[in-house]
Amino acid sequence: MHINRVDLNLLVVFDAIYSEGGITRAAEKLHLTQPAVSHSLGRLRDLFDDPLFERDGRLMMPTPKARSLIGTVRRSLRELQIMFNDIERFDATSSDRAFTIGMRGLLEVNLLPALATRIAKTAPELTVASVRLNRPDLESELATGSLDVAIDVLQPVSDDISYQRFAQDRMVVLARPHHRVVSQGLSLEDYLEQDHIQLSSRRSGQSFEDLELSRLGIQRRIRVRCQNASAALRIVKETNYLLTLAENYARELAPQYGLKMLPLPFKTMAFDAYLYWHRNVDNDPGNRWLREQIQALIR
């Protein structure tokens, strides 16, 4: 197959159908008619000699061939977009570009309001989407452009990924005001005697503080595993359970629930947040502008 036989717009349609799971939603996303998208899908099927998508109820499910193609297609579209971005001057005051940031729920609570306020003042036509970060897919989503940047704790990444420390933090303990540890102080012995809430977005496995305790050869008593910070904070407010949380989030959220903050009674590794992006957008003016806005919030 020679490149001169390929209409590159077909790849955009392929990506949209794959992302949206159907022709109707793909058409809405691309601002095209359904017949136009259906016609493009027919051309794609001829081009690749494969159905690519098969109907399963209301969804169009990708075939094995489509799943094998999507990574390459997205990387190619990403490279083309970067090329045009390099040619085109980025002006934040008038740009209608859409950025996607991958981050965890607590980071969103702490960061997104300030970032949205900043962008509303300096780039009123620009769009920002915060989406849940799936750590195993960090590199691939940055490479394909599904994410423009990501913010998370330090992760093992390849040389294709650039990263920079975004914020320094440490862990603290939250308790309701009348808990005895608030007036008596919290020793390691007291910490281990108490019941705890473990805050984690994963179904199983140790959280940061439990990994640190395991290094000391000890473990705490976990009564509730919770994936939502607001739910965890409400439980702390109504019980004698303790919640261990990063200090930046604790300072933001604890006053809303009337909770007290105590020092963590054992030493841990640094709990810092890092900003990640793919090296192929190092010099992309829009992506660079977004990174500067995020860094400025901390400065």
C-alpha atoms as a PDB file:
ATOM      1  CA  MET A   1       0.000   0.000   0.000  1.00  0.00           C
ATOM      2  CA  HIS A   2       1.479   3.343  -1.051  1.00  0.00           C
ATOM      3  CA  ILE A   3       0.937   6.492   1.010  1.00  0.00           C
ATOM      4  CA  ASN A   4      -0.509   8.330  -1.999  1.00  0.00           C
ATOM      5  CA  ARG A   5      -3.488   5.968  -1.877  1.00  0.00           C
ATOM      6  CA  VAL A   6      -4.370   6.977   1.680  1.00  0.00           C
ATOM      7  CA  ASP A   7      -6.633   9.869   2.620  1.00  0.00           C
ATOM      8  CA  LEU A   8      -5.245  10.877   6.030  1.00  0.00           C
ATOM      9  CA  ASN A   9      -8.698  12.104   7.081  1.00  0.00           C
ATOM     10  CA  LEU A  10      -9.705   8.442   7.173  1.00  0.00           C
ATOM     11  CA  LEU A  11      -7.298   7.915  10.065  1.00  0.00           C
ATOM     12  CA  VAL A  12      -8.998  10.717  11.991  1.00  0.00           C
ATOM     13  CA  VAL A  13     -12.332   8.963  11.459  1.00  0.00           C
ATOM     14  CA  PHE A  14     -10.838   5.623  12.527  1.00  0.00           C
ATOM     15  CA  ASP A  15      -9.544   7.175  15.773  1.00  0.00           C
ATOM     16  CA  ALA A  16     -12.901   8.829  16.479  1.00  0.00           C
ATOM     17  CA  ILE A  17     -14.923   5.631  15.996  1.00  0.00           C
ATOM     18  CA  TYR A  18     -12.443   3.734  18.178  1.00  0.00           C
ATOM     19  CA  SER A  19     -12.602   6.390  20.933  1.00  0.00           C
ATOM     20  CA  GLU A  20     -16.368   6.982  20.852  1.00  0.00           C
ATOM     21  CA  GLY A  21     -17.511   3.397  20.297  1.00  0.00           C
ATOM     22  CA  GLY A  22     -19.950   4.237  17.543  1.00  0.00           C
ATOM     23  CA  ILE A  23     -20.608   6.069  14.278  1.00  0.00           C
ATOM     24  CA  THR A  24     -23.149   8.538  15.707  1.00  0.00           C
ATOM     25  CA  ARG A  25     -20.889   9.793  18.487  1.00  0.00           C
ATOM     26  CA  ALA A  26     -17.885   9.848  16.151  1.00  0.00           C
ATOM     27  CA  ALA A  27     -19.869  12.001  13.724  1.00  0.00           C
ATOM     28  CA  GLU A  28     -20.809  14.392  16.528  1.00  0.00           C
ATOM     29  CA  LYS A  29     -17.193  14.632  17.673  1.00  0.00           C
ATOM     30  CA  LEU A  30     -15.936  15.346  14.147  1.00  0.00           C
ATOM     31  CA  HIS A  31     -18.886  17.615  13.221  1.00  0.00           C
ATOM     32  CA  LEU A  32     -19.710  15.367  10.263  1.00  0.00           C
ATOM     33  CA  THR A  33     -22.886  13.623   9.155  1.00  0.00           C
ATOM     34  CA  GLN A  34     -23.451   9.958   9.978  1.00  0.00           C
ATOM     35  CA  PRO A  35     -23.487   8.976   6.282  1.00  0.00           C
ATOM     36  CA  ALA A  36     -20.106  10.685   5.815  1.00  0.00           C
ATOM     37  CA  VAL A  37     -18.589   8.715   8.712  1.00  0.00           C
ATOM     38  CA  SER A  38     -20.181   5.472   7.484  1.00  0.00           C
ATOM     39  CA  HIS A  39     -18.760   6.089   4.020  1.00  0.00           C
ATOM     40  CA  SER A  40     -15.302   6.697   5.505  1.00  0.00           C
ATOM     41  CA  LEU A  41     -15.567   3.479   7.520  1.00  0.00           C
ATOM     42  CA  GLY A  42     -16.374   1.600   4.302  1.00  0.00           C
ATOM     43  CA  ARG A  43     -13.243   3.026   2.690  1.00  0.00           C
ATOM     44  CA  LEU A  44     -11.183   2.073   5.744  1.00  0.00           C
ATOM     45  CA  ARG A  45     -12.502  -1.490   5.570  1.00  0.00           C
ATOM     46  CA  ASP A  46     -11.468  -1.717   1.922  1.00  0.00           C
ATOM     47  CA  LEU A  47      -8.098  -0.178   2.702  1.00  0.00           C
ATOM     48  CA  PHE A  48      -7.234  -2.625   5.487  1.00  0.00           C
ATOM     49  CA  ASP A  49      -9.268  -5.573   4.160  1.00  0.00           C
ATOM     50  CA  ASP A  50     -10.892  -6.000   7.578  1.00  0.00           C
ATOM     51  CA  PRO A  51     -14.259  -5.044   9.167  1.00  0.00           C
ATOM     52  CA  LEU A  52     -12.314  -3.050  11.819  1.00  0.00           C
ATOM     53  CA  PHE A  53     -15.461  -2.574  13.950  1.00  0.00           C
ATOM     54  CA  GLU A  54     -18.314  -5.005  14.622  1.00  0.00           C
ATOM     55  CA  ARG A  55     -21.602  -4.087  16.250  1.00  0.00           C
ATOM     56  CA  ASP A  56     -22.262  -5.362  19.772  1.00  0.00           C
ATOM     57  CA  GLY A  57     -25.565  -3.900  20.912  1.00  0.00           C
ATOM     58  CA  ARG A  58     -25.188  -0.131  20.664  1.00  0.00           C
ATOM     59  CA  LEU A  59     -21.406  -0.222  20.551  1.00  0.00           C
ATOM     60  CA  MET A  60     -18.994  -0.724  17.675  1.00  0.00           C
ATOM     61  CA  MET A  61     -16.323  -3.046  19.044  1.00  0.00           C
ATOM     62  CA  PRO A  62     -12.844  -3.012  17.441  1.00  0.00           C
ATOM     63  CA  THR A  63     -11.591  -6.162  15.776  1.00  0.00           C
ATOM     64  CA  PRO A  64      -8.121  -7.553  16.601  1.00  0.00           C
ATOM     65  CA  LYS A  65      -6.860  -5.791  13.470  1.00  0.00           C
ATOM     66  CA  ALA A  66      -8.227  -2.440  14.676  1.00  0.00           C
ATOM     67  CA  ARG A  67      -6.689  -2.935  18.115  1.00  0.00           C
ATOM     68  CA  SER A  68      -3.317  -3.614  16.528  1.00  0.00           C
ATOM     69  CA  LEU A  69      -3.571  -0.444  14.414  1.00  0.00           C
ATOM     70  CA  ILE A  70      -4.823   2.108  16.932  1.00  0.00           C
ATOM     71  CA  GLY A  71      -1.486   2.784  18.645  1.00  0.00           C
ATOM     72  CA  THR A  72       0.323   3.438  15.362  1.00  0.00           C
ATOM     73  CA  VAL A  73      -2.549   5.565  14.037  1.00  0.00           C
ATOM     74  CA  ARG A  74      -2.653   7.726  17.128  1.00  0.00           C
ATOM     75  CA  ARG A  75       1.102   8.201  17.210  1.00  0.00           C
ATOM     76  CA  SER A  76       1.061   9.203  13.530  1.00  0.00           C
ATOM     77  CA  LEU A  77      -1.753  11.700  14.044  1.00  0.00           C
ATOM     78  CA  ARG A  78       0.078  13.046  17.056  1.00  0.00           C
ATOM     79  CA  GLU A  79       3.270  13.608  15.055  1.00  0.00           C
ATOM     80  CA  LEU A  80       1.323  15.422  12.339  1.00  0.00           C
ATOM     81  CA  GLN A  81      -0.400  17.614  14.923  1.00  0.00           C
ATOM     82  CA  ILE A  82       2.941  18.490  16.489  1.00  0.00           C
ATOM     83  CA  MET A  83       4.328  19.412  13.060  1.00  0.00           C
ATOM     84  CA  PHE A  84       1.456  21.801  12.411  1.00  0.00           C
ATOM     85  CA  ASN A  85       1.699  23.210  15.936  1.00  0.00           C
ATOM     86  CA  ASP A  86       5.366  24.004  15.308  1.00  0.00           C
ATOM     87  CA  ILE A  87       4.430  25.852  12.140  1.00  0.00           C
ATOM     88  CA  GLU A  88       1.502  27.675  13.705  1.00  0.00           C
ATOM     89  CA  ARG A  89       2.211  30.264  16.378  1.00  0.00           C
ATOM     90  CA  PHE A  90       0.419  29.527  19.648  1.00  0.00           C
ATOM     91  CA  ASP A  91      -1.442  32.495  21.097  1.00  0.00           C
ATOM     92  CA  ALA A  92      -3.087  31.567  24.401  1.00  0.00           C
ATOM     93  CA  THR A  93      -5.365  34.612  24.353  1.00  0.00           C
ATOM     94  CA  SER A  94      -7.134  33.433  21.185  1.00  0.00           C
ATOM     95  CA  SER A  95      -6.384  29.689  20.910  1.00  0.00           C
ATOM     96  CA  ASP A  96      -9.307  27.244  21.088  1.00  0.00           C
ATOM     97  CA  ARG A  97      -7.026  24.275  21.615  1.00  0.00           C
ATOM     98  CA  ALA A  98      -8.172  21.453  23.923  1.00  0.00           C
ATOM     99  CA  PHE A  99      -5.751  20.005  26.475  1.00  0.00           C
ATOM    100  CA  THR A 100      -6.149  16.767  28.439  1.00  0.00           C
ATOM    101  CA  ILE A 101      -4.406  16.323  31.786  1.00  0.00           C
ATOM    102  CA  GLY A 102      -4.138  12.967  33.533  1.00  0.00           C
ATOM    103  CA  MET A 103      -4.224  13.120  37.327  1.00  0.00           C
ATOM    104  CA  ARG A 104      -5.597  11.373  40.392  1.00  0.00           C
ATOM    105  CA  GLY A 105      -8.680  12.558  42.248  1.00  0.00           C
ATOM    106  CA  LEU A 106      -6.899  14.287  45.127  1.00  0.00           C
ATOM    107  CA  LEU A 107      -4.657  16.206  42.747  1.00  0.00           C
ATOM    108  CA  GLU A 108      -7.724  17.389  40.873  1.00  0.00           C
ATOM    109  CA  VAL A 109      -9.247  18.780  44.066  1.00  0.00           C
ATOM    110  CA  ASN A 110      -6.046  20.600  44.913  1.00  0.00           C
ATOM    111  CA  LEU A 111      -4.919  21.768  41.471  1.00  0.00           C
ATOM    112  CA  LEU A 112      -7.760  22.047  38.973  1.00  0.00           C
ATOM    113  CA  PRO A 113      -9.708  24.962  40.533  1.00  0.00           C
ATOM    114  CA  ALA A 114      -6.600  27.172  40.578  1.00  0.00           C
ATOM    115  CA  LEU A 115      -5.582  26.106  37.061  1.00  0.00           C
ATOM    116  CA  ALA A 116      -9.076  26.672  35.667  1.00  0.00           C
ATOM    117  CA  THR A 117      -9.206  30.131  37.238  1.00  0.00           C
ATOM    118  CA  ARG A 118      -5.828  31.019  35.764  1.00  0.00           C
ATOM    119  CA  ILE A 119      -6.781  29.771  32.293  1.00  0.00           C
ATOM    120  CA  ALA A 120     -10.150  31.543  32.352  1.00  0.00           C
ATOM    121  CA  LYS A 121      -8.312  34.831  32.767  1.00  0.00           C
ATOM    122  CA  THR A 122      -5.492  34.288  30.270  1.00  0.00           C
ATOM    123  CA  ALA A 123      -6.938  31.885  27.672  1.00  0.00           C
ATOM    124  CA  PRO A 124     -10.742  32.202  27.619  1.00  0.00           C
ATOM    125  CA  GLU A 125     -11.284  30.110  24.436  1.00  0.00           C
ATOM    126  CA  LEU A 126      -9.100  27.217  25.551  1.00  0.00           C
ATOM    127  CA  THR A 127     -10.503  23.918  26.900  1.00  0.00           C
ATOM    128  CA  VAL A 128      -8.986  21.729  29.617  1.00  0.00           C
ATOM    129  CA  ALA A 129     -10.140  18.221  30.538  1.00  0.00           C
ATOM    130  CA  SER A 130      -8.968  16.445  33.670  1.00  0.00           C
ATOM    131  CA  VAL A 131      -9.170  12.658  33.330  1.00  0.00           C
ATOM    132  CA  ARG A 132      -8.311   9.790  35.633  1.00  0.00           C
ATOM    133  CA  LEU A 133      -4.728   8.658  35.243  1.00  0.00           C
ATOM    134  CA  ASN A 134      -4.178   4.940  34.674  1.00  0.00           C
ATOM    135  CA  ARG A 135      -0.542   4.450  35.673  1.00  0.00           C
ATOM    136  CA  PRO A 136       0.223   1.398  33.479  1.00  0.00           C
ATOM    137  CA  ASP A 137      -0.899   3.415  30.424  1.00  0.00           C
ATOM    138  CA  LEU A 138       1.000   6.603  31.319  1.00  0.00           C
ATOM    139  CA  GLU A 139       3.649   6.329  28.590  1.00  0.00           C
ATOM    140  CA  SER A 140       1.376   5.125  25.801  1.00  0.00           C
ATOM    141  CA  GLU A 141      -1.235   7.809  26.460  1.00  0.00           C
ATOM    142  CA  LEU A 142       1.390  10.552  26.455  1.00  0.00           C
ATOM    143  CA  ALA A 143       2.912   9.104  23.261  1.00  0.00           C
ATOM    144  CA  THR A 144      -0.397   8.973  21.391  1.00  0.00           C
ATOM    145  CA  GLY A 145      -1.599  12.341  22.638  1.00  0.00           C
ATOM    146  CA  SER A 146      -4.520  10.933  24.640  1.00  0.00           C
ATOM    147  CA  LEU A 147      -2.868  12.931  27.417  1.00  0.00           C
ATOM    148  CA  ASP A 148      -0.988  16.171  26.873  1.00  0.00           C
ATOM    149  CA  VAL A 149       0.574  16.027  30.338  1.00  0.00           C
ATOM    150  CA  ALA A 150       0.159  13.947  33.475  1.00  0.00           C
ATOM    151  CA  ILE A 151       0.740  14.648  37.159  1.00  0.00           C
ATOM    152  CA  ASP A 152       1.544  11.865  39.607  1.00  0.00           C
ATOM    153  CA  VAL A 153       4.051  10.620  42.147  1.00  0.00           C
ATOM    154  CA  LEU A 154       7.408   9.417  40.849  1.00  0.00           C
ATOM    155  CA  GLN A 155       6.948   6.593  38.343  1.00  0.00           C
ATOM    156  CA  PRO A 156       9.455   4.419  36.436  1.00  0.00           C
ATOM    157  CA  VAL A 157       9.412   5.743  32.856  1.00  0.00           C
ATOM    158  CA  SER A 158      11.535   5.363  29.730  1.00  0.00           C
ATOM    159  CA  ASP A 159      13.776   7.988  28.175  1.00  0.00           C
ATOM    160  CA  ASP A 160      10.872   8.971  25.878  1.00  0.00           C
ATOM    161  CA  ILE A 161       9.142  10.610  28.820  1.00  0.00           C
ATOM    162  CA  SER A 162      10.263  13.935  30.276  1.00  0.00           C
ATOM    163  CA  TYR A 163       9.381  14.758  33.868  1.00  0.00           C
ATOM    164  CA  GLN A 164       9.988  17.463  36.418  1.00  0.00           C
ATOM    165  CA  ARG A 165       9.242  17.651  40.118  1.00  0.00           C
ATOM    166  CA  PHE A 166       6.074  19.640  40.445  1.00  0.00           C
ATOM    167  CA  ALA A 167       5.520  19.900  44.187  1.00  0.00           C
ATOM    168  CA  GLN A 168       7.104  18.676  47.418  1.00  0.00           C
ATOM    169  CA  ASP A 169       4.906  17.110  50.047  1.00  0.00           C
ATOM    170  CA  ARG A 170       4.844  14.969  53.181  1.00  0.00           C
ATOM    171  CA  MET A 171       2.274  12.800  54.886  1.00  0.00           C
ATOM    172  CA  VAL A 172       0.152  13.884  57.865  1.00  0.00           C
ATOM    173  CA  VAL A 173      -2.617  12.293  59.916  1.00  0.00           C
ATOM    174  CA  LEU A 174      -6.201  13.561  60.179  1.00  0.00           C
ATOM    175  CA  ALA A 175      -8.476  12.931  63.156  1.00  0.00           C
ATOM    176  CA  ARG A 176     -11.730  14.367  64.447  1.00  0.00           C
ATOM    177  CA  PRO A 177     -11.278  17.163  67.038  1.00  0.00           C
ATOM    178  CA  HIS A 178     -12.298  15.161  70.113  1.00  0.00           C
ATOM    179  CA  HIS A 179     -10.137  12.142  69.364  1.00  0.00           C
ATOM    180  CA  ARG A 180      -7.782  11.514  72.300  1.00  0.00           C
ATOM    181  CA  VAL A 181      -4.686  11.585  70.065  1.00  0.00           C
ATOM    182  CA  VAL A 182      -5.398  15.253  69.283  1.00  0.00           C
ATOM    183  CA  SER A 183      -4.900  16.320  72.905  1.00  0.00           C
ATOM    184  CA  GLN A 184      -2.319  13.690  73.907  1.00  0.00           C
ATOM    185  CA  GLY A 185      -0.162  13.747  70.782  1.00  0.00           C
ATOM    186  CA  LEU A 186       0.388  10.922  68.324  1.00  0.00           C
ATOM    187  CA  SER A 187       3.289   8.536  68.899  1.00  0.00           C
ATOM    188  CA  LEU A 188       4.068   5.598  66.636  1.00  0.00           C
ATOM    189  CA  GLU A 189       2.651   3.298  69.312  1.00  0.00           C
ATOM    190  CA  ASP A 190      -0.579   5.316  69.374  1.00  0.00           C
ATOM    191  CA  TYR A 191      -0.724   5.296  65.581  1.00  0.00           C
ATOM    192  CA  LEU A 192      -0.487   1.516  65.449  1.00  0.00           C
ATOM    193  CA  GLU A 193      -3.109   1.071  68.192  1.00  0.00           C
ATOM    194  CA  GLN A 194      -5.717   3.055  66.246  1.00  0.00           C
ATOM    195  CA  ASP A 195      -8.052   1.949  63.454  1.00  0.00           C
ATOM    196  CA  HIS A 196      -7.294   3.404  60.028  1.00  0.00           C
ATOM    197  CA  ILE A 197      -8.819   4.305  56.671  1.00  0.00           C
ATOM    198  CA  GLN A 198      -6.713   3.380  53.668  1.00  0.00           C
ATOM    199  CA  LEU A 199      -7.279   5.772  50.760  1.00  0.00           C
ATOM    200  CA  SER A 200      -6.461   4.189  47.391  1.00  0.00           C
ATOM    201  CA  SER A 201      -7.920   4.191  43.880  1.00  0.00           C
ATOM    202  CA  ARG A 202      -6.731   0.596  43.345  1.00  0.00           C
ATOM    203  CA  ARG A 203      -8.736  -2.477  44.277  1.00  0.00           C
ATOM    204  CA  SER A 204      -5.917  -4.029  46.273  1.00  0.00           C
ATOM    205  CA  GLY A 205      -2.328  -3.506  47.302  1.00  0.00           C
ATOM    206  CA  GLN A 206      -0.505  -1.272  49.741  1.00  0.00           C
ATOM    207  CA  SER A 207      -0.787   2.499  49.849  1.00  0.00           C
ATOM    208  CA  PHE A 208       2.267   4.755  50.209  1.00  0.00           C
ATOM    209  CA  GLU A 209       2.188   4.870  54.007  1.00  0.00           C
ATOM    210  CA  ASP A 210       1.720   1.103  54.289  1.00  0.00           C
ATOM    211  CA  LEU A 211       4.738   0.514  52.067  1.00  0.00           C
ATOM    212  CA  GLU A 212       6.732   2.788  54.355  1.00  0.00           C
ATOM    213  CA  LEU A 213       5.531   0.901  57.456  1.00  0.00           C
ATOM    214  CA  SER A 214       6.457  -2.405  55.851  1.00  0.00           C
ATOM    215  CA  ARG A 215      10.025  -1.114  55.475  1.00  0.00           C
ATOM    216  CA  LEU A 216      10.027  -0.822  59.270  1.00  0.00           C
ATOM    217  CA  GLY A 217       8.653  -4.336  59.637  1.00  0.00           C
ATOM    218  CA  ILE A 218       5.311  -3.200  61.076  1.00  0.00           C
ATOM    219  CA  GLN A 219       1.752  -2.748  59.873  1.00  0.00           C
ATOM    220  CA  ARG A 220      -1.313  -0.801  60.949  1.00  0.00           C
ATOM    221  CA  ARG A 221      -4.908  -1.952  61.428  1.00  0.00           C
ATOM    222  CA  ILE A 222      -7.035  -0.956  58.417  1.00  0.00           C
ATOM    223  CA  ARG A 223     -10.786  -1.003  58.963  1.00  0.00           C
ATOM    224  CA  VAL A 224     -11.946   0.721  55.759  1.00  0.00           C
ATOM    225  CA  ARG A 225     -10.418   0.855  52.280  1.00  0.00           C
ATOM    226  CA  CYS A 226     -11.780   3.843  50.402  1.00  0.00           C
ATOM    227  CA  GLN A 227     -11.226   5.250  46.897  1.00  0.00           C
ATOM    228  CA  ASN A 228     -12.872   8.638  47.366  1.00  0.00           C
ATOM    229  CA  ALA A 229     -11.277  11.318  49.547  1.00  0.00           C
ATOM    230  CA  SER A 230     -14.579  13.002  50.414  1.00  0.00           C
ATOM    231  CA  ALA A 231     -16.002   9.712  51.668  1.00  0.00           C
ATOM    232  CA  ALA A 232     -12.858   9.061  53.723  1.00  0.00           C
ATOM    233  CA  LEU A 233     -12.995  12.512  55.308  1.00  0.00           C
ATOM    234  CA  ARG A 234     -16.649  12.076  56.246  1.00  0.00           C
ATOM    235  CA  ILE A 235     -15.828   8.761  57.923  1.00  0.00           C
ATOM    236  CA  VAL A 236     -13.050  10.425  59.937  1.00  0.00           C
ATOM    237  CA  LYS A 237     -15.498  13.128  61.012  1.00  0.00           C
ATOM    238  CA  GLU A 238     -17.974  10.539  62.340  1.00  0.00           C
ATOM    239  CA  THR A 239     -15.599   7.934  63.834  1.00  0.00           C
ATOM    240  CA  ASN A 240     -12.307   7.534  65.678  1.00  0.00           C
ATOM    241  CA  TYR A 241     -10.626   6.201  62.546  1.00  0.00           C
ATOM    242  CA  LEU A 242      -7.479   7.991  61.411  1.00  0.00           C
ATOM    243  CA  LEU A 243      -6.689   8.991  57.835  1.00  0.00           C
ATOM    244  CA  THR A 244      -3.146   9.455  56.542  1.00  0.00           C
ATOM    245  CA  LEU A 245      -2.988  11.971  53.716  1.00  0.00           C
ATOM    246  CA  ALA A 246      -0.549  14.199  51.830  1.00  0.00           C
ATOM    247  CA  GLU A 247      -0.213  17.532  53.645  1.00  0.00           C
ATOM    248  CA  ASN A 248      -1.072  19.732  50.644  1.00  0.00           C
ATOM    249  CA  TYR A 249      -4.434  18.012  50.306  1.00  0.00           C
ATOM    250  CA  ALA A 250      -4.985  17.829  54.044  1.00  0.00           C
ATOM    251  CA  ARG A 251      -4.555  21.609  54.453  1.00  0.00           C
ATOM    252  CA  GLU A 252      -7.080  22.175  51.667  1.00  0.00           C
ATOM    253  CA  LEU A 253      -9.686  19.638  52.778  1.00  0.00           C
ATOM    254  CA  ALA A 254      -9.449  19.220  56.571  1.00  0.00           C
ATOM    255  CA  PRO A 255     -11.022  22.611  57.479  1.00  0.00           C
ATOM    256  CA  GLN A 256     -14.082  21.779  55.367  1.00  0.00           C
ATOM    257  CA  TYR A 257     -14.766  18.788  57.636  1.00  0.00           C
ATOM    258  CA  GLY A 258     -13.572  20.311  60.913  1.00  0.00           C
ATOM    259  CA  LEU A 259     -10.702  17.832  61.249  1.00  0.00           C
ATOM    260  CA  LYS A 260      -7.390  18.207  63.043  1.00  0.00           C
ATOM    261  CA  MET A 261      -4.030  17.591  61.411  1.00  0.00           C
ATOM    262  CA  LEU A 262      -1.207  15.794  63.231  1.00  0.00           C
ATOM    263  CA  PRO A 263       2.382  14.972  62.225  1.00  0.00           C
ATOM    264  CA  LEU A 264       2.966  11.454  60.942  1.00  0.00           C
ATOM    265  CA  PRO A 265       4.895   9.711  63.759  1.00  0.00           C
ATOM    266  CA  PHE A 266       7.442   7.979  61.513  1.00  0.00           C
ATOM    267  CA  LYS A 267       9.760   9.019  58.710  1.00  0.00           C
ATOM    268  CA  THR A 268       8.904   8.294  55.092  1.00  0.00           C
ATOM    269  CA  MET A 269      10.403   8.859  51.683  1.00  0.00           C
ATOM    270  CA  ALA A 270       9.482  12.106  49.936  1.00  0.00           C
ATOM    271  CA  PHE A 271       5.903  12.127  48.675  1.00  0.00           C
ATOM    272  CA  ASP A 272       6.418  14.519  45.769  1.00  0.00           C
ATOM    273  CA  ALA A 273       4.315  15.127  42.663  1.00  0.00           C
ATOM    274  CA  TYR A 274       5.863  15.146  39.182  1.00  0.00           C
ATOM    275  CA  LEU A 275       4.756  16.641  35.887  1.00  0.00           C
ATOM    276  CA  TYR A 276       5.145  14.223  32.932  1.00  0.00           C
ATOM    277  CA  TRP A 277       5.075  14.834  29.166  1.00  0.00           C
ATOM    278  CA  HIS A 278       6.376  13.058  26.062  1.00  0.00           C
ATOM    279  CA  ARG A 279       9.635  14.256  24.539  1.00  0.00           C
ATOM    280  CA  ASN A 280       7.936  14.710  21.181  1.00  0.00           C
ATOM    281  CA  VAL A 281       6.151  17.769  22.611  1.00  0.00           C
ATOM    282  CA  ASP A 282       9.203  19.294  24.307  1.00  0.00           C
ATOM    283  CA  ASN A 283       9.112  22.188  21.832  1.00  0.00           C
ATOM    284  CA  ASP A 284       5.397  22.254  21.098  1.00  0.00           C
ATOM    285  CA  PRO A 285       4.461  25.852  22.000  1.00  0.00           C
ATOM    286  CA  GLY A 286       0.994  24.973  23.296  1.00  0.00           C
ATOM    287  CA  ASN A 287       2.146  22.100  25.462  1.00  0.00           C
ATOM    288  CA  ARG A 288       5.034  24.185  26.750  1.00  0.00           C
ATOM    289  CA  TRP A 289       2.580  26.960  27.658  1.00  0.00           C
ATOM    290  CA  LEU A 290       0.382  24.472  29.560  1.00  0.00           C
ATOM    291  CA  ARG A 291       3.370  23.157  31.517  1.00  0.00           C
ATOM    292  CA  GLU A 292       4.363  26.704  32.412  1.00  0.00           C
ATOM    293  CA  GLN A 293       0.862  27.432  33.751  1.00  0.00           C
ATOM    294  CA  ILE A 294       0.946  24.354  35.964  1.00  0.00           C
ATOM    295  CA  GLN A 295       4.426  25.123  37.268  1.00  0.00           C
ATOM    296  CA  ALA A 296       3.433  28.733  37.971  1.00  0.00           C
ATOM    297  CA  LEU A 297       0.715  27.572  40.372  1.00  0.00           C
ATOM    298  CA  ILE A 298       3.365  26.146  42.674  1.00  0.00           C
ATOM    299  CA  ARG A 299       5.806  29.018  42.277  1.00  0.00           C
END
